């Protein structure tokens, strides 16, 4: 039986096409997915939660001013997250992008020791456009799979 040949299709061409599909941004003008995949990989837990209470500021052994935030978890994408969880956040008076508010829903990317900063990271108010875009990606099996592969 003779082998079927595709004259214009080479291994290099297939490989290049695969790389373009894997590493190109999903939408024009948006940040590359790899950044969001990196956030996924760095997070110990990713979940959407409703703030139940906000505790008093505490100073840890490193001198950081932290505030405990207790949330009811509505859904989770990564990590072993109980129905109710306390995360730690930075003092909102120290130039953060937002403050957690009781009754509000948040998309939380929690790192080591359940720390979730309210500035310069992936945690967002759940109703924001950015959070909704992230939730859409997190709901995608392919996104979570790719993020775990480090490709």
N, C-alpha and C. Protein backbone atom coordinates (compact mmCIF):
# COMPACT_ATOMS: atom_id res chain seq x y z
N UNK A 1 0.85 -1.17 0.00
CA UNK A 1 0.00 0.00 0.00
C UNK A 1 0.90 1.24 0.00
N UNK A 2 0.63 2.15 -0.88
CA UNK A 2 1.45 3.36 -1.03
C UNK A 2 1.06 4.38 0.03
N UNK A 3 2.06 5.10 0.51
CA UNK A 3 1.82 6.15 1.51
C UNK A 3 1.19 7.37 0.84
N UNK A 4 0.28 8.00 1.54
CA UNK A 4 -0.35 9.21 1.03
C UNK A 4 0.57 10.38 1.32
N UNK A 5 0.84 11.21 0.33
CA UNK A 5 1.75 12.35 0.50
C UNK A 5 0.96 13.65 0.35
N UNK A 6 1.28 14.57 1.23
CA UNK A 6 0.74 15.92 1.15
C UNK A 6 1.93 16.81 0.82
N UNK A 7 2.05 17.24 -0.44
CA UNK A 7 3.27 17.91 -0.89
C UNK A 7 3.60 19.19 -0.15
N UNK A 8 2.66 19.96 0.28
CA UNK A 8 2.94 21.25 0.91
C UNK A 8 2.88 21.18 2.43
N UNK A 9 2.70 20.01 2.98
CA UNK A 9 2.55 19.86 4.42
C UNK A 9 3.78 19.16 4.99
N UNK A 10 4.59 19.90 5.73
CA UNK A 10 5.79 19.33 6.33
C UNK A 10 5.64 19.29 7.83
N UNK A 11 6.51 18.54 8.45
CA UNK A 11 6.50 18.50 9.92
C UNK A 11 6.74 19.89 10.49
N UNK A 12 7.68 20.61 9.92
CA UNK A 12 7.99 21.96 10.41
C UNK A 12 6.77 22.87 10.28
N UNK A 13 6.04 22.74 9.19
CA UNK A 13 4.83 23.55 9.00
C UNK A 13 3.76 23.23 10.02
N UNK A 14 3.57 21.94 10.28
CA UNK A 14 2.60 21.53 11.30
C UNK A 14 3.00 22.03 12.68
N UNK A 15 4.29 21.90 13.00
CA UNK A 15 4.80 22.33 14.30
C UNK A 15 4.62 23.84 14.48
N UNK A 16 4.95 24.61 13.44
CA UNK A 16 4.79 26.07 13.50
C UNK A 16 3.34 26.45 13.69
N UNK A 17 2.43 25.78 13.00
CA UNK A 17 1.00 26.06 13.14
C UNK A 17 0.54 25.76 14.56
N UNK A 18 0.99 24.65 15.11
CA UNK A 18 0.62 24.29 16.48
C UNK A 18 1.11 25.33 17.47
N UNK A 19 2.35 25.80 17.31
CA UNK A 19 2.88 26.83 18.20
C UNK A 19 2.08 28.12 18.10
N UNK A 20 1.72 28.51 16.91
CA UNK A 20 0.93 29.74 16.74
C UNK A 20 -0.41 29.60 17.44
N UNK A 21 -1.07 28.47 17.28
CA UNK A 21 -2.37 28.27 17.92
C UNK A 21 -2.28 28.24 19.44
N UNK A 22 -1.22 27.65 19.97
CA UNK A 22 -1.08 27.54 21.42
C UNK A 22 -0.69 28.84 22.10
N UNK A 23 0.14 29.65 21.44
CA UNK A 23 0.71 30.81 22.12
C UNK A 23 0.19 32.15 21.63
N UNK A 24 -0.75 32.16 20.73
CA UNK A 24 -1.28 33.45 20.28
C UNK A 24 -2.38 33.90 21.24
N UNK A 25 -2.60 35.21 21.37
CA UNK A 25 -3.67 35.69 22.25
C UNK A 25 -5.01 35.27 21.69
N UNK A 26 -5.98 35.07 22.59
CA UNK A 26 -7.30 34.65 22.14
C UNK A 26 -8.06 35.77 21.45
N UNK A 27 -7.88 36.98 21.90
CA UNK A 27 -8.57 38.10 21.29
C UNK A 27 -7.59 39.21 21.03
N UNK A 28 -7.76 39.94 19.91
CA UNK A 28 -6.84 41.03 19.62
C UNK A 28 -6.91 42.10 20.70
N UNK A 29 -5.77 42.65 21.06
CA UNK A 29 -5.72 43.75 22.01
C UNK A 29 -5.75 43.32 23.47
N UNK A 30 -5.86 42.02 23.73
CA UNK A 30 -5.90 41.54 25.12
C UNK A 30 -4.51 41.08 25.52
N UNK A 31 -4.33 40.89 26.82
CA UNK A 31 -3.05 40.36 27.27
C UNK A 31 -2.96 38.91 26.87
N UNK A 32 -1.74 38.40 26.75
CA UNK A 32 -1.55 37.01 26.36
C UNK A 32 -2.07 36.09 27.45
N UNK A 33 -2.59 34.96 27.04
CA UNK A 33 -3.13 33.99 27.97
C UNK A 33 -2.07 33.52 28.94
N UNK A 34 -0.83 33.45 28.49
CA UNK A 34 0.22 32.91 29.35
C UNK A 34 0.28 33.67 30.68
N UNK A 35 -0.04 34.96 30.68
CA UNK A 35 -0.06 35.71 31.93
C UNK A 35 -1.14 35.16 32.85
N UNK A 36 -2.30 34.91 32.33
CA UNK A 36 -3.37 34.36 33.15
C UNK A 36 -3.06 32.92 33.56
N UNK A 37 -2.43 32.18 32.67
CA UNK A 37 -2.03 30.83 33.02
C UNK A 37 -0.98 30.86 34.13
N UNK A 38 -0.11 31.85 34.08
CA UNK A 38 0.89 32.02 35.13
C UNK A 38 0.23 32.31 36.47
N UNK A 39 -0.80 33.16 36.46
CA UNK A 39 -1.55 33.45 37.68
C UNK A 39 -2.19 32.18 38.21
N UNK A 40 -2.73 31.37 37.29
CA UNK A 40 -3.34 30.10 37.67
C UNK A 40 -2.32 29.19 38.34
N UNK A 41 -1.14 29.07 37.74
CA UNK A 41 -0.10 28.19 38.28
C UNK A 41 0.40 28.67 39.65
N UNK A 42 0.55 29.99 39.81
CA UNK A 42 1.09 30.54 41.07
C UNK A 42 0.12 30.43 42.24
N UNK A 43 -1.17 30.44 41.95
CA UNK A 43 -2.18 30.44 43.02
C UNK A 43 -2.26 29.08 43.70
N UNK A 44 -2.40 29.10 45.01
CA UNK A 44 -2.62 27.87 45.77
C UNK A 44 -4.10 27.48 45.66
N UNK A 45 -4.96 28.50 45.61
CA UNK A 45 -6.40 28.27 45.48
C UNK A 45 -7.01 29.40 44.65
N UNK A 46 -8.01 29.04 43.85
CA UNK A 46 -8.76 30.04 43.08
C UNK A 46 -10.24 29.75 43.30
N UNK A 47 -10.96 30.76 43.76
CA UNK A 47 -12.38 30.56 44.03
C UNK A 47 -13.14 31.88 43.96
N UNK A 48 -14.47 31.74 43.87
CA UNK A 48 -15.35 32.91 43.96
C UNK A 48 -16.04 32.80 45.30
N UNK A 49 -16.04 33.91 46.04
CA UNK A 49 -16.63 33.88 47.37
C UNK A 49 -17.33 35.18 47.72
N UNK A 50 -18.26 35.06 48.66
CA UNK A 50 -19.03 36.18 49.17
C UNK A 50 -18.49 36.53 50.56
N UNK A 51 -18.11 37.78 50.77
CA UNK A 51 -17.51 38.19 52.05
C UNK A 51 -18.56 38.15 53.16
N UNK A 52 -18.24 37.37 54.22
CA UNK A 52 -19.12 37.27 55.38
C UNK A 52 -18.69 38.22 56.49
N UNK A 53 -17.37 38.34 56.68
CA UNK A 53 -16.88 39.23 57.74
C UNK A 53 -15.47 39.70 57.42
N UNK A 54 -15.15 40.84 58.03
CA UNK A 54 -13.82 41.42 57.90
C UNK A 54 -13.31 41.65 59.31
N UNK A 55 -12.19 41.03 59.63
CA UNK A 55 -11.64 41.13 60.97
C UNK A 55 -10.80 42.38 61.18
N UNK A 56 -10.25 42.49 62.36
CA UNK A 56 -9.38 43.61 62.71
C UNK A 56 -7.98 43.37 62.21
N UNK A 57 -7.30 44.46 61.88
CA UNK A 57 -5.93 44.38 61.39
C UNK A 57 -5.03 43.71 62.42
N UNK A 58 -4.14 42.87 61.93
CA UNK A 58 -3.17 42.18 62.77
C UNK A 58 -1.80 42.34 62.14
N UNK A 59 -0.78 42.31 62.98
CA UNK A 59 0.59 42.40 62.49
C UNK A 59 1.21 41.02 62.67
N UNK A 60 1.72 40.45 61.56
CA UNK A 60 2.32 39.12 61.66
C UNK A 60 3.78 39.21 62.10
N UNK A 61 4.45 38.08 62.21
CA UNK A 61 5.83 38.04 62.72
C UNK A 61 6.82 38.77 61.80
N UNK A 62 6.44 38.99 60.54
CA UNK A 62 7.31 39.73 59.60
C UNK A 62 7.03 41.23 59.61
N UNK A 63 6.09 41.64 60.44
CA UNK A 63 5.76 43.06 60.53
C UNK A 63 4.74 43.53 59.50
N UNK A 64 4.15 42.59 58.75
CA UNK A 64 3.12 42.95 57.77
C UNK A 64 1.80 43.21 58.47
N UNK A 65 1.11 44.24 58.02
CA UNK A 65 -0.23 44.56 58.53
C UNK A 65 -1.24 43.83 57.65
N UNK A 66 -1.92 42.85 58.23
CA UNK A 66 -2.85 42.02 57.48
C UNK A 66 -4.24 42.04 58.10
N UNK A 67 -5.23 41.83 57.25
CA UNK A 67 -6.62 41.81 57.69
C UNK A 67 -7.24 40.46 57.29
N UNK A 68 -7.87 39.76 58.25
CA UNK A 68 -8.53 38.50 57.89
C UNK A 68 -9.90 38.77 57.26
N UNK A 69 -10.16 38.09 56.15
CA UNK A 69 -11.44 38.21 55.44
C UNK A 69 -12.04 36.81 55.38
N UNK A 70 -13.26 36.66 55.91
CA UNK A 70 -13.94 35.37 55.87
C UNK A 70 -14.97 35.39 54.75
N UNK A 71 -14.89 34.37 53.87
CA UNK A 71 -15.78 34.29 52.72
C UNK A 71 -16.52 32.96 52.69
N UNK A 72 -17.74 32.99 52.15
CA UNK A 72 -18.48 31.77 51.84
C UNK A 72 -18.11 31.45 50.40
N UNK A 73 -17.57 30.28 50.16
CA UNK A 73 -17.13 29.90 48.83
C UNK A 73 -18.33 29.47 47.99
N UNK A 74 -18.46 30.11 46.84
CA UNK A 74 -19.56 29.81 45.93
C UNK A 74 -19.17 28.77 44.89
N UNK A 75 -17.94 28.86 44.40
CA UNK A 75 -17.39 27.86 43.48
C UNK A 75 -15.88 27.98 43.49
N UNK A 76 -15.25 26.85 43.14
CA UNK A 76 -13.79 26.78 43.21
C UNK A 76 -13.24 26.14 41.95
N UNK A 77 -12.08 26.63 41.51
CA UNK A 77 -11.42 26.09 40.31
C UNK A 77 -10.10 25.40 40.64
N UNK A 78 -9.50 25.74 41.77
CA UNK A 78 -8.21 25.16 42.09
C UNK A 78 -8.04 25.10 43.60
N UNK A 79 -7.42 24.03 44.07
CA UNK A 79 -7.14 23.89 45.49
C UNK A 79 -8.28 23.23 46.25
N UNK A 80 -7.96 22.82 47.45
CA UNK A 80 -8.94 22.23 48.34
C UNK A 80 -9.51 23.37 49.20
N UNK A 81 -10.68 23.83 48.82
CA UNK A 81 -11.27 25.01 49.46
C UNK A 81 -12.55 24.60 50.20
N UNK A 82 -12.62 24.86 51.51
CA UNK A 82 -13.83 24.52 52.26
C UNK A 82 -14.98 25.48 51.91
N UNK A 83 -16.17 25.20 52.41
CA UNK A 83 -17.34 26.05 52.13
C UNK A 83 -17.16 27.46 52.68
N UNK A 84 -16.41 27.57 53.76
CA UNK A 84 -16.12 28.87 54.37
C UNK A 84 -14.62 28.94 54.61
N UNK A 85 -13.99 30.07 54.24
CA UNK A 85 -12.54 30.18 54.34
C UNK A 85 -12.15 31.58 54.78
N UNK A 86 -11.05 31.66 55.52
CA UNK A 86 -10.50 32.97 55.89
C UNK A 86 -9.22 33.17 55.10
N UNK A 87 -9.16 34.28 54.40
CA UNK A 87 -7.95 34.66 53.68
C UNK A 87 -7.37 35.89 54.37
N UNK A 88 -6.16 36.22 54.03
CA UNK A 88 -5.49 37.38 54.61
C UNK A 88 -5.19 38.35 53.49
N UNK A 89 -5.43 39.62 53.73
CA UNK A 89 -5.16 40.63 52.72
C UNK A 89 -4.38 41.78 53.35
N UNK A 90 -3.77 42.57 52.48
CA UNK A 90 -2.99 43.72 52.97
C UNK A 90 -3.92 44.81 53.48
N UNK A 91 -3.37 45.69 54.28
CA UNK A 91 -4.12 46.83 54.81
C UNK A 91 -4.59 47.70 53.65
N UNK A 92 -5.90 47.96 53.54
CA UNK A 92 -6.41 48.75 52.42
C UNK A 92 -5.91 50.20 52.42
N UNK A 93 -5.38 50.66 53.52
CA UNK A 93 -4.85 52.03 53.56
C UNK A 93 -3.45 52.12 52.94
N UNK A 94 -2.89 50.97 52.59
CA UNK A 94 -1.55 50.96 52.01
C UNK A 94 -1.64 50.88 50.48
N UNK A 95 -2.29 51.85 49.88
CA UNK A 95 -2.41 52.03 48.42
C UNK A 95 -2.90 50.81 47.67
N UNK A 96 -3.93 50.15 48.12
CA UNK A 96 -4.45 49.01 47.38
C UNK A 96 -5.49 49.46 46.36
N UNK A 97 -5.75 48.60 45.42
CA UNK A 97 -6.67 48.92 44.33
C UNK A 97 -8.13 48.89 44.78
N UNK A 98 -8.46 48.06 45.73
CA UNK A 98 -9.82 48.00 46.25
C UNK A 98 -9.80 47.46 47.66
N UNK A 99 -10.90 47.63 48.36
CA UNK A 99 -11.04 47.05 49.69
C UNK A 99 -12.16 46.02 49.63
N UNK A 100 -12.00 44.97 50.40
CA UNK A 100 -13.06 43.97 50.48
C UNK A 100 -14.22 44.58 51.25
N UNK A 101 -15.45 44.26 50.82
CA UNK A 101 -16.64 44.76 51.49
C UNK A 101 -17.57 43.60 51.82
N UNK A 102 -18.16 43.64 53.01
CA UNK A 102 -19.10 42.60 53.43
C UNK A 102 -20.27 42.55 52.44
N UNK A 103 -20.63 41.32 52.04
CA UNK A 103 -21.75 41.11 51.13
C UNK A 103 -21.34 41.11 49.65
N UNK A 104 -20.15 41.59 49.33
CA UNK A 104 -19.68 41.64 47.93
C UNK A 104 -19.06 40.30 47.55
N UNK A 105 -19.15 39.96 46.25
CA UNK A 105 -18.54 38.73 45.73
C UNK A 105 -17.21 39.07 45.09
N UNK A 106 -16.22 38.18 45.27
CA UNK A 106 -14.88 38.38 44.73
C UNK A 106 -14.39 37.10 44.07
N UNK A 107 -13.62 37.28 43.02
CA UNK A 107 -12.84 36.20 42.43
C UNK A 107 -11.49 36.29 43.13
N UNK A 108 -11.10 35.25 43.85
CA UNK A 108 -9.91 35.29 44.68
C UNK A 108 -8.86 34.31 44.17
N UNK A 109 -7.66 34.84 43.97
CA UNK A 109 -6.47 34.03 43.69
C UNK A 109 -5.65 34.08 44.97
N UNK A 110 -5.70 33.01 45.75
CA UNK A 110 -5.00 32.98 47.03
C UNK A 110 -3.67 32.26 46.88
N UNK A 111 -2.65 32.86 47.44
CA UNK A 111 -1.31 32.27 47.38
C UNK A 111 -0.96 31.56 48.66
N UNK A 112 0.32 31.52 48.92
CA UNK A 112 0.85 30.87 50.11
C UNK A 112 0.20 31.46 51.36
N UNK A 113 -0.11 30.62 52.31
CA UNK A 113 -0.74 31.01 53.58
C UNK A 113 -2.07 31.73 53.38
N UNK A 114 -2.75 31.44 52.27
CA UNK A 114 -4.06 32.02 51.94
C UNK A 114 -4.02 33.54 51.92
N UNK A 115 -2.91 34.08 51.42
CA UNK A 115 -2.80 35.53 51.26
C UNK A 115 -3.35 35.92 49.90
N UNK A 116 -4.24 36.90 49.87
CA UNK A 116 -4.82 37.39 48.63
C UNK A 116 -4.80 38.90 48.66
N UNK A 117 -3.82 39.48 48.04
CA UNK A 117 -3.68 40.93 48.03
C UNK A 117 -4.82 41.57 47.25
N UNK A 118 -5.18 42.77 47.64
CA UNK A 118 -6.21 43.49 46.90
C UNK A 118 -5.58 44.48 45.93
N UNK A 119 -4.27 44.40 45.76
CA UNK A 119 -3.61 45.27 44.80
C UNK A 119 -2.64 44.47 43.93
N UNK A 120 -2.57 44.86 42.68
CA UNK A 120 -1.57 44.33 41.74
C UNK A 120 -1.56 42.81 41.63
N UNK A 121 -2.67 42.15 41.78
CA UNK A 121 -2.70 40.72 41.48
C UNK A 121 -4.02 40.37 40.83
N UNK A 122 -4.33 39.11 40.76
CA UNK A 122 -5.49 38.66 39.98
C UNK A 122 -6.82 38.73 40.72
N UNK A 123 -6.84 38.87 42.04
CA UNK A 123 -8.10 38.94 42.76
C UNK A 123 -8.85 40.20 42.34
N UNK A 124 -10.16 40.03 42.11
CA UNK A 124 -10.99 41.14 41.61
C UNK A 124 -12.40 41.04 42.18
N UNK A 125 -13.11 42.16 42.14
CA UNK A 125 -14.54 42.15 42.42
C UNK A 125 -15.17 41.29 41.33
N UNK A 126 -15.97 40.29 41.72
CA UNK A 126 -16.48 39.30 40.77
C UNK A 126 -17.33 39.89 39.65
N UNK A 127 -17.97 41.02 39.90
CA UNK A 127 -18.83 41.60 38.87
C UNK A 127 -18.06 42.41 37.83
N UNK A 128 -16.76 42.63 38.03
CA UNK A 128 -15.99 43.43 37.08
C UNK A 128 -15.81 42.66 35.77
N UNK A 129 -15.60 43.41 34.69
CA UNK A 129 -15.40 42.80 33.38
C UNK A 129 -14.18 41.88 33.37
N UNK A 130 -13.11 42.31 34.03
CA UNK A 130 -11.89 41.50 34.07
C UNK A 130 -12.15 40.19 34.79
N UNK A 131 -12.84 40.24 35.92
CA UNK A 131 -13.15 39.02 36.68
C UNK A 131 -14.05 38.10 35.86
N UNK A 132 -15.03 38.66 35.18
CA UNK A 132 -15.93 37.84 34.37
C UNK A 132 -15.17 37.15 33.23
N UNK A 133 -14.22 37.87 32.64
CA UNK A 133 -13.37 37.27 31.60
C UNK A 133 -12.54 36.14 32.19
N UNK A 134 -11.97 36.37 33.39
CA UNK A 134 -11.17 35.33 34.05
C UNK A 134 -12.03 34.12 34.41
N UNK A 135 -13.25 34.35 34.89
CA UNK A 135 -14.16 33.25 35.24
C UNK A 135 -14.50 32.43 34.00
N UNK A 136 -14.72 33.11 32.89
CA UNK A 136 -15.00 32.40 31.64
C UNK A 136 -13.83 31.48 31.27
N UNK A 137 -12.61 31.99 31.42
CA UNK A 137 -11.43 31.17 31.14
C UNK A 137 -11.31 30.02 32.15
N UNK A 138 -11.52 30.32 33.43
CA UNK A 138 -11.42 29.28 34.46
C UNK A 138 -12.43 28.16 34.23
N UNK A 139 -13.57 28.49 33.67
CA UNK A 139 -14.59 27.47 33.38
C UNK A 139 -14.19 26.57 32.22
N UNK A 140 -13.17 26.96 31.47
CA UNK A 140 -12.72 26.20 30.32
C UNK A 140 -11.76 25.09 30.75
N UNK A 141 -12.14 23.86 30.47
CA UNK A 141 -11.27 22.73 30.78
C UNK A 141 -9.93 22.88 30.08
N UNK A 142 -9.93 23.34 28.83
CA UNK A 142 -8.70 23.49 28.05
C UNK A 142 -7.76 24.50 28.70
N UNK A 143 -8.30 25.61 29.18
CA UNK A 143 -7.46 26.62 29.85
C UNK A 143 -6.76 26.03 31.07
N UNK A 144 -7.52 25.35 31.93
CA UNK A 144 -6.94 24.77 33.15
C UNK A 144 -5.92 23.69 32.80
N UNK A 145 -6.19 22.89 31.78
CA UNK A 145 -5.27 21.86 31.35
C UNK A 145 -3.96 22.47 30.85
N UNK A 146 -4.06 23.46 29.96
CA UNK A 146 -2.88 24.13 29.42
C UNK A 146 -2.06 24.79 30.51
N UNK A 147 -2.73 25.41 31.46
CA UNK A 147 -2.02 26.09 32.55
C UNK A 147 -1.21 25.11 33.38
N UNK A 148 -1.73 23.93 33.58
CA UNK A 148 -1.01 22.92 34.38
C UNK A 148 0.15 22.31 33.61
N UNK A 149 0.09 22.34 32.29
CA UNK A 149 1.17 21.78 31.46
C UNK A 149 2.36 22.73 31.32
N UNK A 150 2.17 23.99 31.66
CA UNK A 150 3.23 25.00 31.52
C UNK A 150 3.62 25.21 30.06
N UNK A 151 2.65 25.13 29.14
CA UNK A 151 2.98 25.38 27.73
C UNK A 151 2.53 26.75 27.31
